[in-house]
Each structure stands twice: as C-alpha cells, then as structure tokens.
Amino acid sequence: MQNIEKKIKHIISKKLDIKTNNITNKSLFLEDLGADSLDIVELIMTLEEDFNIEISDDEAEKIKTVQNAIDFVNTKLKD
C-alpha cells in the first residue's frame, strides 16, 4: 500500500511538474494540482502501464483525488 502511494505520487509529480511534498492524498487533480483534461488522460494511461491494469472511462471519471487513485489501484491489484 505504501509503495503504491509513493509510486502514484511520483507519477503525478513527474506528469504535472509538482514536488511530491506538495501532493496530499486529499489533493484534487483539477482544482488543487492544476491538471487539465489531457493531463488526466495521460495520468490514467501511465497508471495503466505502470501497474498493468485497465481503467475504463467510467472508472476514470470517478478518480478525482490522489486517494481515489490509490484506492482504485489497490482494488485492481487485489482482483
């Protein structure tokens, strides 16, 4: 769990050019981290690649915060 959280925050940091210590689990991608719709698509694609999972469009729409992403990846990896 801790490794997944660190890896996701690292991905977000690289994609959005934000320091990892500025990313909290409650951070909203659009409002707090300044991501736009293209950034979100790229983040989802990177999560799919890095964790070898599939994320449907419906599922992606529900990922609004960093914690949502962490929880989602954890759930997918348990399946």
PDB file of N, CA and C in Angstrom:
ATOM      1  N   MET A   1       0.835  -1.207   0.000  1.00  0.00           N
ATOM      2  CA  MET A   1       0.000   0.000   0.000  1.00  0.00           C
ATOM      3  C   MET A   1       0.869   1.257   0.000  1.00  0.00           C
ATOM      4  N   GLN A   2       1.842   1.299   0.888  1.00  0.00           N
ATOM      5  CA  GLN A   2       2.713   2.474   0.985  1.00  0.00           C
ATOM      6  C   GLN A   2       3.500   2.674  -0.314  1.00  0.00           C
ATOM      7  N   ASN A   3       3.985   1.567  -0.901  1.00  0.00           N
ATOM      8  CA  ASN A   3       4.728   1.662  -2.150  1.00  0.00           C
ATOM      9  C   ASN A   3       3.857   2.168  -3.288  1.00  0.00           C
ATOM     10  N   ILE A   4       2.607   1.710  -3.324  1.00  0.00           N
ATOM     11  CA  ILE A   4       1.681   2.166  -4.360  1.00  0.00           C
ATOM     12  C   ILE A   4       1.446   3.664  -4.218  1.00  0.00           C
ATOM     13  N   GLU A   5       1.229   4.112  -2.991  1.00  0.00           N
ATOM     14  CA  GLU A   5       1.013   5.541  -2.748  1.00  0.00           C
ATOM     15  C   GLU A   5       2.214   6.358  -3.215  1.00  0.00           C
ATOM     16  N   LYS A   6       3.426   5.919  -2.854  1.00  0.00           N
ATOM     17  CA  LYS A   6       4.642   6.645  -3.256  1.00  0.00           C
ATOM     18  C   LYS A   6       4.787   6.658  -4.774  1.00  0.00           C
ATOM     19  N   LYS A   7       4.520   5.508  -5.399  1.00  0.00           N
ATOM     20  CA  LYS A   7       4.668   5.417  -6.852  1.00  0.00           C
ATOM     21  C   LYS A   7       3.667   6.329  -7.560  1.00  0.00           C
ATOM     22  N   ILE A   8       2.423   6.340  -7.092  1.00  0.00           N
ATOM     23  CA  ILE A   8       1.400   7.198  -7.705  1.00  0.00           C
ATOM     24  C   ILE A   8       1.765   8.667  -7.536  1.00  0.00           C
ATOM     25  N   LYS A   9       2.206   9.044  -6.357  1.00  0.00           N
ATOM     26  CA  LYS A   9       2.603  10.445  -6.135  1.00  0.00           C
ATOM     27  C   LYS A   9       3.804  10.815  -7.007  1.00  0.00           C
ATOM     28  N   HIS A  10       4.716   9.872  -7.207  1.00  0.00           N
ATOM     29  CA  HIS A  10       5.867  10.118  -8.075  1.00  0.00           C
ATOM     30  C   HIS A  10       5.406  10.335  -9.523  1.00  0.00           C
ATOM     31  N   ILE A  11       4.469   9.508  -9.979  1.00  0.00           N
ATOM     32  CA  ILE A  11       3.918   9.655 -11.335  1.00  0.00           C
ATOM     33  C   ILE A  11       3.266  11.024 -11.494  1.00  0.00           C
ATOM     34  N   ILE A  12       2.442  11.396 -10.518  1.00  0.00           N
ATOM     35  CA  ILE A  12       1.755  12.697 -10.562  1.00  0.00           C
ATOM     36  C   ILE A  12       2.772  13.828 -10.572  1.00  0.00           C
ATOM     37  N   SER A  13       3.788  13.696  -9.735  1.00  0.00           N
ATOM     38  CA  SER A  13       4.840  14.709  -9.651  1.00  0.00           C
ATOM     39  C   SER A  13       5.513  14.919 -11.002  1.00  0.00           C
ATOM     40  N   LYS A  14       5.853  13.828 -11.655  1.00  0.00           N
ATOM     41  CA  LYS A  14       6.526  13.916 -12.958  1.00  0.00           C
ATOM     42  C   LYS A  14       5.607  14.477 -14.038  1.00  0.00           C
ATOM     43  N   LYS A  15       4.381  13.983 -14.087  1.00  0.00           N
ATOM     44  CA  LYS A  15       3.441  14.398 -15.140  1.00  0.00           C
ATOM     45  C   LYS A  15       3.010  15.858 -15.002  1.00  0.00           C
ATOM     46  N   LEU A  16       2.816  16.299 -13.762  1.00  0.00           N
ATOM     47  CA  LEU A  16       2.294  17.648 -13.548  1.00  0.00           C
ATOM     48  C   LEU A  16       3.370  18.646 -13.118  1.00  0.00           C
ATOM     49  N   ASP A  17       4.603  18.170 -13.029  1.00  0.00           N
ATOM     50  CA  ASP A  17       5.730  19.024 -12.638  1.00  0.00           C
ATOM     51  C   ASP A  17       5.468  19.713 -11.295  1.00  0.00           C
ATOM     52  N   ILE A  18       5.125  18.885 -10.303  1.00  0.00           N
ATOM     53  CA  ILE A  18       4.841  19.355  -8.942  1.00  0.00           C
ATOM     54  C   ILE A  18       5.721  18.563  -7.989  1.00  0.00           C
ATOM     55  N   LYS A  19       6.239  19.213  -6.969  1.00  0.00           N
ATOM     56  CA  LYS A  19       7.028  18.496  -5.960  1.00  0.00           C
ATOM     57  C   LYS A  19       6.130  17.523  -5.214  1.00  0.00           C
ATOM     58  N   THR A  20       6.663  16.325  -4.932  1.00  0.00           N
ATOM     59  CA  THR A  20       5.848  15.305  -4.266  1.00  0.00           C
ATOM     60  C   THR A  20       5.363  15.755  -2.890  1.00  0.00           C
ATOM     61  N   ASN A  21       6.134  16.584  -2.201  1.00  0.00           N
ATOM     62  CA  ASN A  21       5.670  17.017  -0.874  1.00  0.00           C
ATOM     63  C   ASN A  21       4.516  18.021  -0.966  1.00  0.00           C
ATOM     64  N   ASN A  22       4.191  18.489  -2.183  1.00  0.00           N
ATOM     65  CA  ASN A  22       3.029  19.361  -2.373  1.00  0.00           C
ATOM     66  C   ASN A  22       1.782  18.563  -2.741  1.00  0.00           C
ATOM     67  N   ILE A  23       1.922  17.245  -2.847  1.00  0.00           N
ATOM     68  CA  ILE A  23       0.809  16.375  -3.223  1.00  0.00           C
ATOM     69  C   ILE A  23       0.323  15.639  -1.980  1.00  0.00           C
ATOM     70  N   THR A  24      -0.930  15.863  -1.615  1.00  0.00           N
ATOM     71  CA  THR A  24      -1.511  15.141  -0.478  1.00  0.00           C
ATOM     72  C   THR A  24      -2.540  14.150  -1.015  1.00  0.00           C
ATOM     73  N   ASN A  25      -2.943  13.234  -0.169  1.00  0.00           N
ATOM     74  CA  ASN A  25      -3.942  12.251  -0.585  1.00  0.00           C
ATOM     75  C   ASN A  25      -5.292  12.904  -0.877  1.00  0.00           C
ATOM     76  N   LYS A  26      -5.539  14.062  -0.265  1.00  0.00           N
ATOM     77  CA  LYS A  26      -6.806  14.769  -0.480  1.00  0.00           C
ATOM     78  C   LYS A  26      -6.759  15.702  -1.684  1.00  0.00           C
ATOM     79  N   SER A  27      -5.593  15.857  -2.297  1.00  0.00           N
ATOM     80  CA  SER A  27      -5.457  16.771  -3.437  1.00  0.00           C
ATOM     81  C   SER A  27      -6.384  16.367  -4.581  1.00  0.00           C
ATOM     82  N   LEU A  28      -7.133  17.343  -5.068  1.00  0.00           N
ATOM     83  CA  LEU A  28      -7.970  17.145  -6.251  1.00  0.00           C
ATOM     84  C   LEU A  28      -7.110  17.414  -7.484  1.00  0.00           C
ATOM     85  N   PHE A  29      -7.187  16.534  -8.473  1.00  0.00           N
ATOM     86  CA  PHE A  29      -6.337  16.696  -9.661  1.00  0.00           C
ATOM     87  C   PHE A  29      -6.583  18.024 -10.372  1.00  0.00           C
ATOM     88  N   LEU A  30      -7.838  18.350 -10.612  1.00  0.00           N
ATOM     89  CA  LEU A  30      -8.150  19.571 -11.358  1.00  0.00           C
ATOM     90  C   LEU A  30      -7.957  20.827 -10.519  1.00  0.00           C
ATOM     91  N   GLU A  31      -8.607  20.874  -9.359  1.00  0.00           N
ATOM     92  CA  GLU A  31      -8.626  22.094  -8.559  1.00  0.00           C
ATOM     93  C   GLU A  31      -7.313  22.367  -7.829  1.00  0.00           C
ATOM     94  N   ASP A  32      -6.756  21.347  -7.182  1.00  0.00           N
ATOM     95  CA  ASP A  32      -5.576  21.560  -6.336  1.00  0.00           C
ATOM     96  C   ASP A  32      -4.247  21.415  -7.078  1.00  0.00           C
ATOM     97  N   LEU A  33      -4.206  20.499  -8.040  1.00  0.00           N
ATOM     98  CA  LEU A  33      -2.930  20.214  -8.715  1.00  0.00           C
ATOM     99  C   LEU A  33      -2.830  20.855 -10.092  1.00  0.00           C
ATOM    100  N   GLY A  34      -3.898  21.506 -10.540  1.00  0.00           N
ATOM    101  CA  GLY A  34      -3.865  22.248 -11.795  1.00  0.00           C
ATOM    102  C   GLY A  34      -3.838  21.385 -13.040  1.00  0.00           C
ATOM    103  N   ALA A  35      -4.273  20.140 -12.929  1.00  0.00           N
ATOM    104  CA  ALA A  35      -4.300  19.258 -14.090  1.00  0.00           C
ATOM    105  C   ALA A  35      -5.443  19.663 -15.016  1.00  0.00           C
ATOM    106  N   ASP A  36      -5.230  19.500 -16.329  1.00  0.00           N
ATOM    107  CA  ASP A  36      -6.329  19.698 -17.264  1.00  0.00           C
ATOM    108  C   ASP A  36      -6.761  18.323 -17.779  1.00  0.00           C
ATOM    109  N   SER A  37      -7.744  18.296 -18.670  1.00  0.00           N
ATOM    110  CA  SER A  37      -8.293  17.004 -19.103  1.00  0.00           C
ATOM    111  C   SER A  37      -7.240  16.137 -19.800  1.00  0.00           C
ATOM    112  N   LEU A  38      -6.336  16.745 -20.542  1.00  0.00           N
ATOM    113  CA  LEU A  38      -5.274  15.977 -21.193  1.00  0.00           C
ATOM    114  C   LEU A  38      -4.322  15.381 -20.157  1.00  0.00           C
ATOM    115  N   ASP A  39      -3.999  16.158 -19.127  1.00  0.00           N
ATOM    116  CA  ASP A  39      -3.154  15.643 -18.042  1.00  0.00           C
ATOM    117  C   ASP A  39      -3.796  14.415 -17.393  1.00  0.00           C
ATOM    118  N   ILE A  40      -5.102  14.488 -17.177  1.00  0.00           N
ATOM    119  CA  ILE A  40      -5.822  13.380 -16.545  1.00  0.00           C
ATOM    120  C   ILE A  40      -5.726  12.131 -17.416  1.00  0.00           C
ATOM    121  N   VAL A  41      -5.953  12.292 -18.710  1.00  0.00           N
ATOM    122  CA  VAL A  41      -5.864  11.154 -19.643  1.00  0.00           C
ATOM    123  C   VAL A  41      -4.463  10.549 -19.592  1.00  0.00           C
ATOM    124  N   GLU A  42      -3.440  11.391 -19.610  1.00  0.00           N
ATOM    125  CA  GLU A  42      -2.062  10.900 -19.560  1.00  0.00           C
ATOM    126  C   GLU A  42      -1.767  10.201 -18.232  1.00  0.00           C
ATOM    127  N   LEU A  43      -2.278  10.744 -17.146  1.00  0.00           N
ATOM    128  CA  LEU A  43      -2.090  10.104 -15.838  1.00  0.00           C
ATOM    129  C   LEU A  43      -2.731   8.720 -15.806  1.00  0.00           C
ATOM    130  N   ILE A  44      -3.956   8.630 -16.317  1.00  0.00           N
ATOM    131  CA  ILE A  44      -4.668   7.348 -16.344  1.00  0.00           C
ATOM    132  C   ILE A  44      -3.882   6.340 -17.180  1.00  0.00           C
ATOM    133  N   MET A  45      -3.399   6.771 -18.340  1.00  0.00           N
ATOM    134  CA  MET A  45      -2.623   5.874 -19.210  1.00  0.00           C
ATOM    135  C   MET A  45      -1.345   5.412 -18.516  1.00  0.00           C
ATOM    136  N   THR A  46      -0.694   6.307 -17.808  1.00  0.00           N
ATOM    137  CA  THR A  46       0.527   5.951 -17.095  1.00  0.00           C
ATOM    138  C   THR A  46       0.237   4.972 -15.967  1.00  0.00           C
ATOM    139  N   LEU A  47      -0.855   5.196 -15.231  1.00  0.00           N
ATOM    140  CA  LEU A  47      -1.231   4.265 -14.169  1.00  0.00           C
ATOM    141  C   LEU A  47      -1.507   2.881 -14.757  1.00  0.00           C
ATOM    142  N   GLU A  48      -2.195   2.849 -15.894  1.00  0.00           N
ATOM    143  CA  GLU A  48      -2.481   1.563 -16.548  1.00  0.00           C
ATOM    144  C   GLU A  48      -1.189   0.835 -16.916  1.00  0.00           C
ATOM    145  N   GLU A  49      -0.266   1.581 -17.496  1.00  0.00           N
ATOM    146  CA  GLU A  49       1.020   0.984 -17.900  1.00  0.00           C
ATOM    147  C   GLU A  49       1.855   0.538 -16.710  1.00  0.00           C
ATOM    148  N   ASP A  50       2.031   1.424 -15.757  1.00  0.00           N
ATOM    149  CA  ASP A  50       2.935   1.145 -14.633  1.00  0.00           C
ATOM    150  C   ASP A  50       2.430   0.044 -13.703  1.00  0.00           C
ATOM    151  N   PHE A  51       1.096  -0.061 -13.576  1.00  0.00           N
ATOM    152  CA  PHE A  51       0.539  -1.067 -12.667  1.00  0.00           C
ATOM    153  C   PHE A  51      -0.073  -2.252 -13.413  1.00  0.00           C
ATOM    154  N   ASN A  52       0.013  -2.213 -14.765  1.00  0.00           N
ATOM    155  CA  ASN A  52      -0.506  -3.292 -15.603  1.00  0.00           C
ATOM    156  C   ASN A  52      -1.986  -3.582 -15.289  1.00  0.00           C
ATOM    157  N   ILE A  53      -2.783  -2.508 -15.307  1.00  0.00           N
ATOM    158  CA  ILE A  53      -4.221  -2.619 -15.046  1.00  0.00           C
ATOM    159  C   ILE A  53      -4.963  -1.905 -16.172  1.00  0.00           C
ATOM    160  N   GLU A  54      -6.281  -2.124 -16.230  1.00  0.00           N
ATOM    161  CA  GLU A  54      -7.127  -1.393 -17.174  1.00  0.00           C
ATOM    162  C   GLU A  54      -8.076  -0.505 -16.386  1.00  0.00           C
ATOM    163  N   ILE A  55      -8.256   0.706 -16.878  1.00  0.00           N
ATOM    164  CA  ILE A  55      -9.154   1.663 -16.234  1.00  0.00           C
ATOM    165  C   ILE A  55     -10.146   2.127 -17.297  1.00  0.00           C
ATOM    166  N   SER A  56     -11.422   1.796 -17.107  1.00  0.00           N
ATOM    167  CA  SER A  56     -12.443   2.203 -18.076  1.00  0.00           C
ATOM    168  C   SER A  56     -12.687   3.712 -17.968  1.00  0.00           C
ATOM    169  N   ASP A  57     -13.343   4.262 -18.983  1.00  0.00           N
ATOM    170  CA  ASP A  57     -13.669   5.691 -18.955  1.00  0.00           C
ATOM    171  C   ASP A  57     -14.555   6.027 -17.761  1.00  0.00           C
ATOM    172  N   ASP A  58     -15.524   5.140 -17.476  1.00  0.00           N
ATOM    173  CA  ASP A  58     -16.411   5.369 -16.328  1.00  0.00           C
ATOM    174  C   ASP A  58     -15.628   5.381 -15.021  1.00  0.00           C
ATOM    175  N   GLU A  59     -14.695   4.439 -14.891  1.00  0.00           N
ATOM    176  CA  GLU A  59     -13.876   4.374 -13.679  1.00  0.00           C
ATOM    177  C   GLU A  59     -12.978   5.603 -13.575  1.00  0.00           C
ATOM    178  N   ALA A  60     -12.407   6.017 -14.701  1.00  0.00           N
ATOM    179  CA  ALA A  60     -11.505   7.170 -14.707  1.00  0.00           C
ATOM    180  C   ALA A  60     -12.213   8.443 -14.251  1.00  0.00           C
ATOM    181  N   GLU A  61     -13.484   8.582 -14.631  1.00  0.00           N
ATOM    182  CA  GLU A  61     -14.251   9.772 -14.247  1.00  0.00           C
ATOM    183  C   GLU A  61     -14.435   9.875 -12.738  1.00  0.00           C
ATOM    184  N   LYS A  62     -14.373   8.749 -12.041  1.00  0.00           N
ATOM    185  CA  LYS A  62     -14.563   8.734 -10.589  1.00  0.00           C
ATOM    186  C   LYS A  62     -13.275   9.050  -9.829  1.00  0.00           C
ATOM    187  N   ILE A  63     -12.151   9.065 -10.522  1.00  0.00           N
ATOM    188  CA  ILE A  63     -10.865   9.336  -9.877  1.00  0.00           C
ATOM    189  C   ILE A  63     -10.633  10.845  -9.872  1.00  0.00           C
ATOM    190  N   LYS A  64     -10.999  11.458  -8.773  1.00  0.00           N
ATOM    191  CA  LYS A  64     -10.918  12.922  -8.653  1.00  0.00           C
ATOM    192  C   LYS A  64      -9.774  13.374  -7.742  1.00  0.00           C
ATOM    193  N   THR A  65      -9.408  12.505  -6.783  1.00  0.00           N
ATOM    194  CA  THR A  65      -8.348  12.855  -5.828  1.00  0.00           C
ATOM    195  C   THR A  65      -7.218  11.834  -5.907  1.00  0.00           C
ATOM    196  N   VAL A  66      -6.113  12.184  -5.306  1.00  0.00           N
ATOM    197  CA  VAL A  66      -4.977  11.268  -5.237  1.00  0.00           C
ATOM    198  C   VAL A  66      -5.384  10.002  -4.484  1.00  0.00           C
ATOM    199  N   GLN A  67      -6.147  10.156  -3.405  1.00  0.00           N
ATOM    200  CA  GLN A  67      -6.598   8.986  -2.638  1.00  0.00           C
ATOM    201  C   GLN A  67      -7.492   8.091  -3.478  1.00  0.00           C
ATOM    202  N   ASN A  68      -8.344   8.686  -4.327  1.00  0.00           N
ATOM    203  CA  ASN A  68      -9.170   7.876  -5.230  1.00  0.00           C
ATOM    204  C   ASN A  68      -8.286   7.004  -6.110  1.00  0.00           C
ATOM    205  N   ALA A  69      -7.209   7.580  -6.621  1.00  0.00           N
ATOM    206  CA  ALA A  69      -6.294   6.832  -7.488  1.00  0.00           C
ATOM    207  C   ALA A  69      -5.620   5.701  -6.713  1.00  0.00           C
ATOM    208  N   ILE A  70      -5.170   5.997  -5.505  1.00  0.00           N
ATOM    209  CA  ILE A  70      -4.507   4.990  -4.670  1.00  0.00           C
ATOM    210  C   ILE A  70      -5.466   3.842  -4.365  1.00  0.00           C
ATOM    211  N   ASP A  71      -6.675   4.180  -3.939  1.00  0.00           N
ATOM    212  CA  ASP A  71      -7.677   3.159  -3.608  1.00  0.00           C
ATOM    213  C   ASP A  71      -8.020   2.318  -4.831  1.00  0.00           C
ATOM    214  N   PHE A  72      -8.182   2.981  -5.967  1.00  0.00           N
ATOM    215  CA  PHE A  72      -8.546   2.272  -7.189  1.00  0.00           C
ATOM    216  C   PHE A  72      -7.462   1.272  -7.583  1.00  0.00           C
ATOM    217  N   VAL A  73      -6.218   1.713  -7.599  1.00  0.00           N
ATOM    218  CA  VAL A  73      -5.104   0.828  -7.973  1.00  0.00           C
ATOM    219  C   VAL A  73      -5.010  -0.336  -6.989  1.00  0.00           C
ATOM    220  N   ASN A  74      -5.132  -0.064  -5.704  1.00  0.00           N
ATOM    221  CA  ASN A  74      -5.098  -1.136  -4.706  1.00  0.00           C
ATOM    222  C   ASN A  74      -6.185  -2.172  -4.964  1.00  0.00           C
ATOM    223  N   THR A  75      -7.398  -1.710  -5.268  1.00  0.00           N
ATOM    224  CA  THR A  75      -8.508  -2.612  -5.533  1.00  0.00           C
ATOM    225  C   THR A  75      -8.239  -3.444  -6.785  1.00  0.00           C
ATOM    226  N   LYS A  76      -7.757  -2.804  -7.840  1.00  0.00           N
ATOM    227  CA  LYS A  76      -7.487  -3.506  -9.101  1.00  0.00           C
ATOM    228  C   LYS A  76      -6.411  -4.568  -8.920  1.00  0.00           C
ATOM    229  N   LEU A  77      -5.397  -4.256  -8.129  1.00  0.00           N
ATOM    230  CA  LEU A  77      -4.298  -5.199  -7.933  1.00  0.00           C
ATOM    231  C   LEU A  77      -4.712  -6.397  -7.083  1.00  0.00           C
ATOM    232  N   LYS A  78      -5.760  -6.246  -6.284  1.00  0.00           N
ATOM    233  CA  LYS A  78      -6.255  -7.360  -5.467  1.00  0.00           C
ATOM    234  C   LYS A  78      -7.129  -8.313  -6.270  1.00  0.00           C
ATOM    235  N   ASP A  79      -7.747  -7.792  -7.356  1.00  0.00           N
ATOM    236  CA  ASP A  79      -8.637  -8.632  -8.186  1.00  0.00           C
ATOM    237  C   ASP A  79      -7.906  -9.771  -8.840  1.00  0.00           C
TER     238      ASP A  79
END
